[in-house]
C-alpha atoms as a PDB file:
ATOM      1  CA  UNK A   1     129.059  74.388  26.686  1.00  0.00           C
ATOM      2  CA  UNK A   2     128.999  74.680  22.977  1.00  0.00           C
ATOM      3  CA  UNK A   3     128.190  77.948  21.354  1.00  0.00           C
ATOM      4  CA  UNK A   4     126.361  78.725  18.112  1.00  0.00           C
ATOM      5  CA  UNK A   5     125.453  81.679  16.022  1.00  0.00           C
ATOM      6  CA  UNK A   6     122.061  82.649  14.694  1.00  0.00           C
ATOM      7  CA  UNK A   7     122.197  83.371  11.028  1.00  0.00           C
ATOM      8  CA  UNK A   8     119.728  86.146   9.834  1.00  0.00           C
ATOM      9  CA  UNK A   9     118.011  84.612   6.785  1.00  0.00           C
ATOM     10  CA  UNK A  10     115.512  87.405   6.314  1.00  0.00           C
ATOM     11  CA  UNK A  11     115.208  91.196   5.962  1.00  0.00           C
ATOM     12  CA  UNK A  12     116.452  93.917   3.697  1.00  0.00           C
ATOM     13  CA  UNK A  13     120.039  93.222   2.633  1.00  0.00           C
ATOM     14  CA  UNK A  14     119.918  89.579   3.282  1.00  0.00           C
ATOM     15  CA  UNK A  15     121.163  87.499   0.199  1.00  0.00           C
ATOM     16  CA  UNK A  16     123.320  84.665  -0.793  1.00  0.00           C
ATOM     17  CA  UNK A  17     126.475  86.716  -0.071  1.00  0.00           C
ATOM     18  CA  UNK A  18     125.451  87.597   3.478  1.00  0.00           C
ATOM     19  CA  UNK A  19     124.147  84.055   4.316  1.00  0.00           C
ATOM     20  CA  UNK A  20     127.448  82.467   3.093  1.00  0.00           C
ATOM     21  CA  UNK A  21     129.465  85.160   4.963  1.00  0.00           C
ATOM     22  CA  UNK A  22     127.557  84.359   8.239  1.00  0.00           C
ATOM     23  CA  UNK A  23     128.180  80.466   7.860  1.00  0.00           C
ATOM     24  CA  UNK A  24     131.902  80.901   6.995  1.00  0.00           C
ATOM     25  CA  UNK A  25     132.335  83.363   9.695  1.00  0.00           C
ATOM     26  CA  UNK A  26     130.811  81.125  12.331  1.00  0.00           C
ATOM     27  CA  UNK A  27     133.015  78.108  11.209  1.00  0.00           C
ATOM     28  CA  UNK A  28     136.168  79.932  10.877  1.00  0.00           C
ATOM     29  CA  UNK A  29     135.773  81.578  14.289  1.00  0.00           C
ATOM     30  CA  UNK A  30     135.314  78.030  15.952  1.00  0.00           C
ATOM     31  CA  UNK A  31     131.631  78.264  16.718  1.00  0.00           C
ATOM     32  CA  UNK A  32     130.154  74.832  17.034  1.00  0.00           C
ATOM     33  CA  UNK A  33     126.836  75.355  15.260  1.00  0.00           C
ATOM     34  CA  UNK A  34     124.786  77.886  13.242  1.00  0.00           C
ATOM     35  CA  UNK A  35     121.012  78.123  12.885  1.00  0.00           C
ATOM     36  CA  UNK A  36     118.402  79.868  10.830  1.00  0.00           C
ATOM     37  CA  UNK A  37     114.743  80.670  11.329  1.00  0.00           C
ATOM     38  CA  UNK A  38     111.474  79.676   9.428  1.00  0.00           C
ATOM     39  CA  UNK A  39     108.604  81.444   8.098  1.00  0.00           C
ATOM     40  CA  UNK A  40     106.559  80.490   4.895  1.00  0.00           C
ATOM     41  CA  UNK A  41     103.955  83.183   4.550  1.00  0.00           C
ATOM     42  CA  UNK A  42     105.383  86.516   5.438  1.00  0.00           C
ATOM     43  CA  UNK A  43     102.071  88.345   6.004  1.00  0.00           C
ATOM     44  CA  UNK A  44     102.026  91.879   7.412  1.00  0.00           C
ATOM     45  CA  UNK A  45     101.754  90.415  10.938  1.00  0.00           C
ATOM     46  CA  UNK A  46     104.968  88.364  10.444  1.00  0.00           C
ATOM     47  CA  UNK A  47     106.745  91.342   8.623  1.00  0.00           C
ATOM     48  CA  UNK A  48     106.359  93.446  11.701  1.00  0.00           C
ATOM     49  CA  UNK A  49     109.031  91.125  13.264  1.00  0.00           C
ATOM     50  CA  UNK A  50     110.562  89.248  10.331  1.00  0.00           C
ATOM     51  CA  UNK A  51     110.362  91.248   7.037  1.00  0.00           C
ATOM     52  CA  UNK A  52     110.943  89.961   3.532  1.00  0.00           C
ATOM     53  CA  UNK A  53     112.787  88.527   1.755  1.00  0.00           C
ATOM     54  CA  UNK A  54     112.821  85.397   3.825  1.00  0.00           C
ATOM     55  CA  UNK A  55     115.103  82.527   2.570  1.00  0.00           C
ATOM     56  CA  UNK A  56     113.636  79.074   3.080  1.00  0.00           C
ATOM     57  CA  UNK A  57     115.595  77.251   5.769  1.00  0.00           C
ATOM     58  CA  UNK A  58     115.812  73.935   4.051  1.00  0.00           C
ATOM     59  CA  UNK A  59     116.931  75.243   0.779  1.00  0.00           C
ATOM     60  CA  UNK A  60     119.463  77.542   2.498  1.00  0.00           C
ATOM     61  CA  UNK A  61     120.833  74.927   4.755  1.00  0.00           C
ATOM     62  CA  UNK A  62     121.308  72.483   1.895  1.00  0.00           C
ATOM     63  CA  UNK A  63     123.539  75.251   0.169  1.00  0.00           C
ATOM     64  CA  UNK A  64     125.330  76.086   3.240  1.00  0.00           C
ATOM     65  CA  UNK A  65     126.140  72.379   3.836  1.00  0.00           C
ATOM     66  CA  UNK A  66     128.028  72.346   0.582  1.00  0.00           C
ATOM     67  CA  UNK A  67     129.881  75.590   1.553  1.00  0.00           C
ATOM     68  CA  UNK A  68     131.078  74.425   5.044  1.00  0.00           C
ATOM     69  CA  UNK A  69     132.923  71.468   6.435  1.00  0.00           C
ATOM     70  CA  UNK A  70     132.831  71.103  10.123  1.00  0.00           C
ATOM     71  CA  UNK A  71     130.088  73.341  11.694  1.00  0.00           C
ATOM     72  CA  UNK A  72     126.795  71.928  12.613  1.00  0.00           C
ATOM     73  CA  UNK A  73     123.738  73.495  10.834  1.00  0.00           C
ATOM     74  CA  UNK A  74     120.128  73.802  12.140  1.00  0.00           C
ATOM     75  CA  UNK A  75     116.911  75.448  12.331  1.00  0.00           C
ATOM     76  CA  UNK A  76     115.490  77.720  15.136  1.00  0.00           C
ATOM     77  CA  UNK A  77     112.914  76.670  14.564  1.00  0.00           C
ATOM     78  CA  UNK A  78     111.099  74.700  11.817  1.00  0.00           C
ATOM     79  CA  UNK A  79     107.392  75.324  11.997  1.00  0.00           C
ATOM     80  CA  UNK A  80     106.176  71.699  11.571  1.00  0.00           C
ATOM     81  CA  UNK A  81     102.488  72.392  10.790  1.00  0.00           C
ATOM     82  CA  UNK A  82     103.445  74.571   7.601  1.00  0.00           C
ATOM     83  CA  UNK A  83     104.686  71.537   5.689  1.00  0.00           C
ATOM     84  CA  UNK A  84     103.657  67.966   5.195  1.00  0.00           C
ATOM     85  CA  UNK A  85     105.729  65.894   7.499  1.00  0.00           C
ATOM     86  CA  UNK A  86     106.968  63.551   4.814  1.00  0.00           C
ATOM     87  CA  UNK A  87     108.370  66.720   3.036  1.00  0.00           C
ATOM     88  CA  UNK A  88     110.002  67.864   6.227  1.00  0.00           C
ATOM     89  CA  UNK A  89     111.500  64.511   6.963  1.00  0.00           C
ATOM     90  CA  UNK A  90     112.931  64.059   3.505  1.00  0.00           C
ATOM     91  CA  UNK A  91     114.380  67.565   3.185  1.00  0.00           C
ATOM     92  CA  UNK A  92     116.026  67.152   6.567  1.00  0.00           C
ATOM     93  CA  UNK A  93     117.373  63.709   5.784  1.00  0.00           C
ATOM     94  CA  UNK A  94     118.700  64.883   2.553  1.00  0.00           C
ATOM     95  CA  UNK A  95     120.566  67.758   4.113  1.00  0.00           C
ATOM     96  CA  UNK A  96     121.927  65.512   6.811  1.00  0.00           C
ATOM     97  CA  UNK A  97     123.235  63.254   3.963  1.00  0.00           C
ATOM     98  CA  UNK A  98     124.756  66.184   2.044  1.00  0.00           C
ATOM     99  CA  UNK A  99     126.394  67.415   5.189  1.00  0.00           C
ATOM    100  CA  UNK A 100     127.889  64.226   6.398  1.00  0.00           C
ATOM    101  CA  UNK A 101     125.614  64.159   9.619  1.00  0.00           C
ATOM    102  CA  UNK A 102     125.663  67.790  10.578  1.00  0.00           C
ATOM    103  CA  UNK A 103     122.007  68.741  10.944  1.00  0.00           C
ATOM    104  CA  UNK A 104     120.015  69.800  13.973  1.00  0.00           C
ATOM    105  CA  UNK A 105     116.336  70.161  13.615  1.00  0.00           C
ATOM    106  CA  UNK A 106     114.696  72.804  15.856  1.00  0.00           C
ATOM    107  CA  UNK A 107     110.803  72.520  15.879  1.00  0.00           C
ATOM    108  CA  UNK A 108     108.128  74.755  17.094  1.00  0.00           C
ATOM    109  CA  UNK A 109     104.538  75.875  16.566  1.00  0.00           C
ATOM    110  CA  UNK A 110     105.017  79.628  15.809  1.00  0.00           C
ATOM    111  CA  UNK A 111     102.399  82.351  16.780  1.00  0.00           C
ATOM    112  CA  UNK A 112     101.023  84.217  13.721  1.00  0.00           C
ATOM    113  CA  UNK A 113      97.427  83.427  13.201  1.00  0.00           C
ATOM    114  CA  UNK A 114      97.573  85.237   9.796  1.00  0.00           C
ATOM    115  CA  UNK A 115     100.334  82.967   8.610  1.00  0.00           C
ATOM    116  CA  UNK A 116      98.365  79.909   9.387  1.00  0.00           C
ATOM    117  CA  UNK A 117      95.287  81.214   7.615  1.00  0.00           C
ATOM    118  CA  UNK A 118      97.358  81.930   4.566  1.00  0.00           C
ATOM    119  CA  UNK A 119      98.578  78.418   4.602  1.00  0.00           C
ATOM    120  CA  UNK A 120      95.139  76.912   5.270  1.00  0.00           C
ATOM    121  CA  UNK A 121      96.278  75.312   8.501  1.00  0.00           C
ATOM    122  CA  UNK A 122      94.169  75.550  11.790  1.00  0.00           C
ATOM    123  CA  UNK A 123      95.909  77.760  14.216  1.00  0.00           C
ATOM    124  CA  UNK A 124      94.056  76.354  17.041  1.00  0.00           C
ATOM    125  CA  UNK A 125      95.174  72.876  16.596  1.00  0.00           C
ATOM    126  CA  UNK A 126      98.868  73.719  15.916  1.00  0.00           C
ATOM    127  CA  UNK A 127     100.121  71.965  19.019  1.00  0.00           C
ATOM    128  CA  UNK A 128      98.248  68.616  18.136  1.00  0.00           C
ATOM    129  CA  UNK A 129      99.402  68.942  14.482  1.00  0.00           C
ATOM    130  CA  UNK A 130     102.898  69.416  15.703  1.00  0.00           C
ATOM    131  CA  UNK A 131     103.003  66.468  17.901  1.00  0.00           C
ATOM    132  CA  UNK A 132     101.541  64.238  15.158  1.00  0.00           C
ATOM    133  CA  UNK A 133     103.852  65.511  12.499  1.00  0.00           C
ATOM    134  CA  UNK A 134     106.936  65.146  14.813  1.00  0.00           C
ATOM    135  CA  UNK A 135     105.961  61.554  15.357  1.00  0.00           C
ATOM    136  CA  UNK A 136     105.920  61.057  11.534  1.00  0.00           C
ATOM    137  CA  UNK A 137     109.182  62.846  10.978  1.00  0.00           C
ATOM    138  CA  UNK A 138     111.227  60.981  13.440  1.00  0.00           C
ATOM    139  CA  UNK A 139     109.823  57.597  12.301  1.00  0.00           C
ATOM    140  CA  UNK A 140     110.659  58.485   8.581  1.00  0.00           C
ATOM    141  CA  UNK A 141     114.208  59.124   9.709  1.00  0.00           C
ATOM    142  CA  UNK A 142     114.589  55.789  11.315  1.00  0.00           C
ATOM    143  CA  UNK A 143     112.803  53.314   8.898  1.00  0.00           C
ATOM    144  CA  UNK A 144     113.005  52.726   5.091  1.00  0.00           C
ATOM    145  CA  UNK A 145     109.354  52.461   4.680  1.00  0.00           C
ATOM    146  CA  UNK A 146     106.473  53.790   7.077  1.00  0.00           C
ATOM    147  CA  UNK A 147     102.747  53.861   7.341  1.00  0.00           C
ATOM    148  CA  UNK A 148     100.784  56.330   9.394  1.00  0.00           C
ATOM    149  CA  UNK A 149      97.037  56.712  10.197  1.00  0.00           C
ATOM    150  CA  UNK A 150      96.417  59.784  12.159  1.00  0.00           C
ATOM    151  CA  UNK A 151      94.055  62.770  12.727  1.00  0.00           C
ATOM    152  CA  UNK A 152      95.899  65.033  10.375  1.00  0.00           C
ATOM    153  CA  UNK A 153      97.729  62.818   7.862  1.00  0.00           C
ATOM    154  CA  UNK A 154      97.375  59.202   6.629  1.00  0.00           C
ATOM    155  CA  UNK A 155      99.390  57.120   4.267  1.00  0.00           C
ATOM    156  CA  UNK A 156     100.402  53.605   3.715  1.00  0.00           C
ATOM    157  CA  UNK A 157     103.835  52.094   2.782  1.00  0.00           C
ATOM    158  CA  UNK A 158     105.859  55.076   1.850  1.00  0.00           C
ATOM    159  CA  UNK A 159     109.502  54.630   1.088  1.00  0.00           C
ATOM    160  CA  UNK A 160     111.477  57.501   3.041  1.00  0.00           C
ATOM    161  CA  UNK A 161     115.049  56.877   1.913  1.00  0.00           C
ATOM    162  CA  UNK A 162     117.707  58.000   1.820  1.00  0.00           C
ATOM    163  CA  UNK A 163     117.832  57.921   5.556  1.00  0.00           C
ATOM    164  CA  UNK A 164     120.055  60.360   7.290  1.00  0.00           C
ATOM    165  CA  UNK A 165     123.631  59.772   8.278  1.00  0.00           C
ATOM    166  CA  UNK A 166     122.528  60.018  11.884  1.00  0.00           C
ATOM    167  CA  UNK A 167     118.942  60.812  13.191  1.00  0.00           C
ATOM    168  CA  UNK A 168     119.117  64.573  13.546  1.00  0.00           C
ATOM    169  CA  UNK A 169     118.767  65.890  17.190  1.00  0.00           C
ATOM    170  CA  UNK A 170     115.408  67.495  17.647  1.00  0.00           C
ATOM    171  CA  UNK A 171     115.426  70.589  19.712  1.00  0.00           C
ATOM    172  CA  UNK A 172     111.858  71.570  20.779  1.00  0.00           C
ATOM    173  CA  UNK A 173     111.299  75.380  21.112  1.00  0.00           C
ATOM    174  CA  UNK A 174     108.889  77.176  23.301  1.00  0.00           C
ATOM    175  CA  UNK A 175     108.277  77.821  27.086  1.00  0.00           C
ATOM    176  CA  UNK A 176     104.798  76.652  27.603  1.00  0.00           C
ATOM    177  CA  UNK A 177     103.754  73.585  29.616  1.00  0.00           C
ATOM    178  CA  UNK A 178     102.775  71.944  26.258  1.00  0.00           C
ATOM    179  CA  UNK A 179     106.126  72.755  24.680  1.00  0.00           C
ATOM    180  CA  UNK A 180     108.026  71.245  27.692  1.00  0.00           C
ATOM    181  CA  UNK A 181     105.987  68.093  27.522  1.00  0.00           C
ATOM    182  CA  UNK A 182     106.793  67.946  23.653  1.00  0.00           C
ATOM    183  CA  UNK A 183     110.461  68.343  24.424  1.00  0.00           C
ATOM    184  CA  UNK A 184     110.176  65.428  26.918  1.00  0.00           C
ATOM    185  CA  UNK A 185     108.265  63.081  24.671  1.00  0.00           C
ATOM    186  CA  UNK A 186     109.832  63.922  21.391  1.00  0.00           C
ATOM    187  CA  UNK A 187     113.044  65.965  21.768  1.00  0.00           C
ATOM    188  CA  UNK A 188     116.668  65.640  22.408  1.00  0.00           C
ATOM    189  CA  UNK A 189     116.837  69.103  23.784  1.00  0.00           C
ATOM    190  CA  UNK A 190     114.720  71.926  25.001  1.00  0.00           C
ATOM    191  CA  UNK A 191     115.340  75.126  23.136  1.00  0.00           C
ATOM    192  CA  UNK A 192     113.700  78.193  24.700  1.00  0.00           C
ATOM    193  CA  UNK A 193     114.115  81.779  23.656  1.00  0.00           C
ATOM    194  CA  UNK A 194     113.843  85.163  25.370  1.00  0.00           C
ATOM    195  CA  UNK A 195     113.681  84.110  29.061  1.00  0.00           C
ATOM    196  CA  UNK A 196     115.300  85.320  32.176  1.00  0.00           C
ATOM    197  CA  UNK A 197     117.744  83.435  34.343  1.00  0.00           C
ATOM    198  CA  UNK A 198     115.095  83.428  37.012  1.00  0.00           C
ATOM    199  CA  UNK A 199     112.584  81.800  34.634  1.00  0.00           C
ATOM    200  CA  UNK A 200     115.140  79.060  33.658  1.00  0.00           C
ATOM    201  CA  UNK A 201     116.194  78.384  37.333  1.00  0.00           C
ATOM    202  CA  UNK A 202     112.957  78.681  39.113  1.00  0.00           C
ATOM    203  CA  UNK A 203     110.194  77.695  36.697  1.00  0.00           C
ATOM    204  CA  UNK A 204     111.372  76.286  33.240  1.00  0.00           C
ATOM    205  CA  UNK A 205     113.888  73.688  34.320  1.00  0.00           C
ATOM    206  CA  UNK A 206     112.101  72.393  37.422  1.00  0.00           C
ATOM    207  CA  UNK A 207     108.831  72.039  35.204  1.00  0.00           C
ATOM    208  CA  UNK A 208     110.931  70.071  32.582  1.00  0.00           C
ATOM    209  CA  UNK A 209     112.171  67.688  35.162  1.00  0.00           C
ATOM    210  CA  UNK A 210     108.836  67.051  36.749  1.00  0.00           C
ATOM    211  CA  UNK A 211     107.269  66.373  33.482  1.00  0.00           C
ATOM    212  CA  UNK A 212     110.100  63.958  32.534  1.00  0.00           C
ATOM    213  CA  UNK A 213     109.515  62.112  35.794  1.00  0.00           C
ATOM    214  CA  UNK A 214     105.749  61.957  35.130  1.00  0.00           C
ATOM    215  CA  UNK A 215     106.359  60.640  31.568  1.00  0.00           C
ATOM    216  CA  UNK A 216     109.098  58.214  32.790  1.00  0.00           C
ATOM    217  CA  UNK A 217     111.518  59.692  30.248  1.00  0.00           C
ATOM    218  CA  UNK A 218     114.997  61.191  30.550  1.00  0.00           C
ATOM    219  CA  UNK A 219     115.342  65.007  30.959  1.00  0.00           C
ATOM    220  CA  UNK A 220     116.094  66.502  27.584  1.00  0.00           C
ATOM    221  CA  UNK A 221     119.271  68.631  27.095  1.00  0.00           C
ATOM    222  CA  UNK A 222     118.992  72.398  27.799  1.00  0.00           C
ATOM    223  CA  UNK A 223     119.876  74.405  24.617  1.00  0.00           C
ATOM    224  CA  UNK A 224     118.620  78.054  25.064  1.00  0.00           C
ATOM    225  CA  UNK A 225     118.698  80.752  22.330  1.00  0.00           C
ATOM    226  CA  UNK A 226     119.942  84.027  24.008  1.00  0.00           C
ATOM    227  CA  UNK A 227     118.981  87.512  22.556  1.00  0.00           C
ATOM    228  CA  UNK A 228     122.514  88.989  22.695  1.00  0.00           C
ATOM    229  CA  UNK A 229     122.779  92.662  23.603  1.00  0.00           C
ATOM    230  CA  UNK A 230     125.687  94.178  25.272  1.00  0.00           C
ATOM    231  CA  UNK A 231     125.190  97.390  27.295  1.00  0.00           C
ATOM    232  CA  UNK A 232     127.655  99.826  28.926  1.00  0.00           C
ATOM    233  CA  UNK A 233     125.632 100.062  32.144  1.00  0.00           C
ATOM    234  CA  UNK A 234     124.061  97.164  34.017  1.00  0.00           C
ATOM    235  CA  UNK A 235     120.410  96.260  33.197  1.00  0.00           C
ATOM    236  CA  UNK A 236     118.000  95.804  36.059  1.00  0.00           C
ATOM    237  CA  UNK A 237     118.026  92.148  37.054  1.00  0.00           C
ATOM    238  CA  UNK A 238     114.228  91.908  37.649  1.00  0.00           C
ATOM    239  CA  UNK A 239     113.458  92.619  33.910  1.00  0.00           C
ATOM    240  CA  UNK A 240     116.706  91.514  32.279  1.00  0.00           C
ATOM    241  CA  UNK A 241     116.675  88.563  29.867  1.00  0.00           C
ATOM    242  CA  UNK A 242     119.595  86.192  29.785  1.00  0.00           C
ATOM    243  CA  UNK A 243     122.142  87.322  27.314  1.00  0.00           C
ATOM    244  CA  UNK A 244     121.506  91.035  27.709  1.00  0.00           C
ATOM    245  CA  UNK A 245     123.443  93.534  29.888  1.00  0.00           C
ATOM    246  CA  UNK A 246     127.040  94.191  30.513  1.00  0.00           C
ATOM    247  CA  UNK A 247     129.834  91.815  29.659  1.00  0.00           C
ATOM    248  CA  UNK A 248     129.842  91.001  33.440  1.00  0.00           C
ATOM    249  CA  UNK A 249     126.088  90.244  33.389  1.00  0.00           C
ATOM    250  CA  UNK A 250     126.386  88.147  30.197  1.00  0.00           C
ATOM    251  CA  UNK A 251     129.428  86.244  31.608  1.00  0.00           C
ATOM    252  CA  UNK A 252     127.383  85.525  34.790  1.00  0.00           C
ATOM    253  CA  UNK A 253     124.476  84.311  32.599  1.00  0.00           C
ATOM    254  CA  UNK A 254     126.665  81.861  30.806  1.00  0.00           C
ATOM    255  CA  UNK A 255     128.238  80.600  33.961  1.00  0.00           C
ATOM    256  CA  UNK A 256     124.737  80.266  35.483  1.00  0.00           C
ATOM    257  CA  UNK A 257     123.488  78.426  32.487  1.00  0.00           C
ATOM    258  CA  UNK A 258     126.393  75.916  32.637  1.00  0.00           C
ATOM    259  CA  UNK A 259     125.580  75.291  36.221  1.00  0.00           C
ATOM    260  CA  UNK A 260     121.914  74.688  35.330  1.00  0.00           C
ATOM    261  CA  UNK A 261     123.161  72.044  32.863  1.00  0.00           C
ATOM    262  CA  UNK A 262     123.007  73.790  29.564  1.00  0.00           C
ATOM    263  CA  UNK A 263     124.850  71.929  26.906  1.00  0.00           C
ATOM    264  CA  UNK A 264     124.702  74.354  23.901  1.00  0.00           C
ATOM    265  CA  UNK A 265     123.952  78.117  23.672  1.00  0.00           C
ATOM    266  CA  UNK A 266     122.709  79.970  20.568  1.00  0.00           C
ATOM    267  CA  UNK A 267     123.648  83.586  20.301  1.00  0.00           C
ATOM    268  CA  UNK A 268     121.001  85.754  18.522  1.00  0.00           C
ATOM    269  CA  UNK A 269     122.072  89.260  17.462  1.00  0.00           C
ATOM    270  CA  UNK A 270     118.606  90.222  16.157  1.00  0.00           C
ATOM    271  CA  UNK A 271     116.593  92.487  18.427  1.00  0.00           C
ATOM    272  CA  UNK A 272     113.146  91.560  17.300  1.00  0.00           C
ATOM    273  CA  UNK A 273     112.033  94.170  14.795  1.00  0.00           C
ATOM    274  CA  UNK A 274     113.185  95.150  11.267  1.00  0.00           C
ATOM    275  CA  UNK A 275     114.214  98.676  12.205  1.00  0.00           C
ATOM    276  CA  UNK A 276     116.801  97.362  14.742  1.00  0.00           C
ATOM    277  CA  UNK A 277     118.682  95.269  12.196  1.00  0.00           C
ATOM    278  CA  UNK A 278     122.392  96.432  11.734  1.00  0.00           C
ATOM    279  CA  UNK A 279     125.022  95.859   9.239  1.00  0.00           C
ATOM    280  CA  UNK A 280     126.439  92.386   9.399  1.00  0.00           C
ATOM    281  CA  UNK A 281     129.736  93.735  10.393  1.00  0.00           C
ATOM    282  CA  UNK A 282     128.431  95.308  13.463  1.00  0.00           C
ATOM    283  CA  UNK A 283     127.027  91.947  14.521  1.00  0.00           C
ATOM    284  CA  UNK A 284     130.338  90.231  13.844  1.00  0.00           C
ATOM    285  CA  UNK A 285     131.955  92.822  16.016  1.00  0.00           C
ATOM    286  CA  UNK A 286     129.578  92.107  18.814  1.00  0.00           C
ATOM    287  CA  UNK A 287     130.357  88.471  18.621  1.00  0.00           C
ATOM    288  CA  UNK A 288     134.020  89.123  18.504  1.00  0.00           C
ATOM    289  CA  UNK A 289     133.737  91.249  21.754  1.00  0.00           C
ATOM    290  CA  UNK A 290     131.811  88.388  23.324  1.00  0.00           C
ATOM    291  CA  UNK A 291     134.378  85.776  22.263  1.00  0.00           C
ATOM    292  CA  UNK A 292     137.351  87.887  23.448  1.00  0.00           C
ATOM    293  CA  UNK A 293     136.032  88.971  26.755  1.00  0.00           C
ATOM    294  CA  UNK A 294     133.432  86.267  27.859  1.00  0.00           C
ATOM    295  CA  UNK A 295     133.880  83.041  25.965  1.00  0.00           C
ATOM    296  CA  UNK A 296     137.732  82.780  25.863  1.00  0.00           C
ATOM    297  CA  UNK A 297     138.515  79.599  24.136  1.00  0.00           C
ATOM    298  CA  UNK A 298     135.015  78.257  24.547  1.00  0.00           C
ATOM    299  CA  UNK A 299     134.027  79.254  20.995  1.00  0.00           C
ATOM    300  CA  UNK A 300     137.422  77.981  19.451  1.00  0.00           C
ATOM    301  CA  UNK A 301     137.702  74.583  21.207  1.00  0.00           C
ATOM    302  CA  UNK A 302     139.161  71.654  19.235  1.00  0.00           C
ATOM    303  CA  UNK A 303     135.854  69.995  19.651  1.00  0.00           C
ATOM    304  CA  UNK A 304     134.237  72.232  17.058  1.00  0.00           C
ATOM    305  CA  UNK A 305     132.558  70.146  14.463  1.00  0.00           C
ATOM    306  CA  UNK A 306     131.870  67.117  16.705  1.00  0.00           C
ATOM    307  CA  UNK A 307     128.163  65.949  16.523  1.00  0.00           C
ATOM    308  CA  UNK A 308     125.714  67.753  18.783  1.00  0.00           C
ATOM    309  CA  UNK A 309     123.083  66.030  20.809  1.00  0.00           C
ATOM    310  CA  UNK A 310     124.829  62.772  20.431  1.00  0.00           C
END
């Protein structure tokens, strides 16, 4: 498996210096990839979990691409309905060019109704919008000129260049049946968050395989994002999320994920609310403990920097 770090691009204390430190830390420690989140309108509802300031993922990744050399960079996840798909496609293709083919594009629908209202987008149609926009984005990465006539966007003979160095791998977030079907139809990987090992083993992955069989398509790669939390005492297995618990429990999770076919694991040190944000140094120490006692050479392998999802 390949290991990545979630860079916190939001909240009090976040700025160019912390973003750069995160990216360089991840690259220097041999992690294979680093990813950042996406929100456009930080309404009070959004701020309950992700407070301002919030750095735009594409602008930030373009900058970090110029400050790093090997590590893959990506979004976890881009909320596709928030931007015109031609804008998303061009921004992503440009970053992939600037980075020499190091971009991963995670996509999802998000949850905040107030954010959708602020942007004038119909929250009720977010799944359908995402599917159509994803079709446009991936076509724009493959062809110098495209046309599209759909329910939500229509255009004729639009030049899309420069094309990316490689077509960025698409990681589809979410745990619903619609998200799983989207991952099968459009994605290179399924990228779920905040789930238990039981869910992955008994529900999520079996459903993913069934849908792939129904669609006559290959099963996407499995690339979960784990909410990393280390405890001194074991957490109850019936309520524990993968990535949380003692070093032994987290080690067991990673071994189990590899047995289930996971190809990438993203470690997220954020606990889900602004009050829980810690100094960056403490998050780095958490990752160091994980690397020393659980990952071994896994986060420092000589394959760091090779393309993901290829």
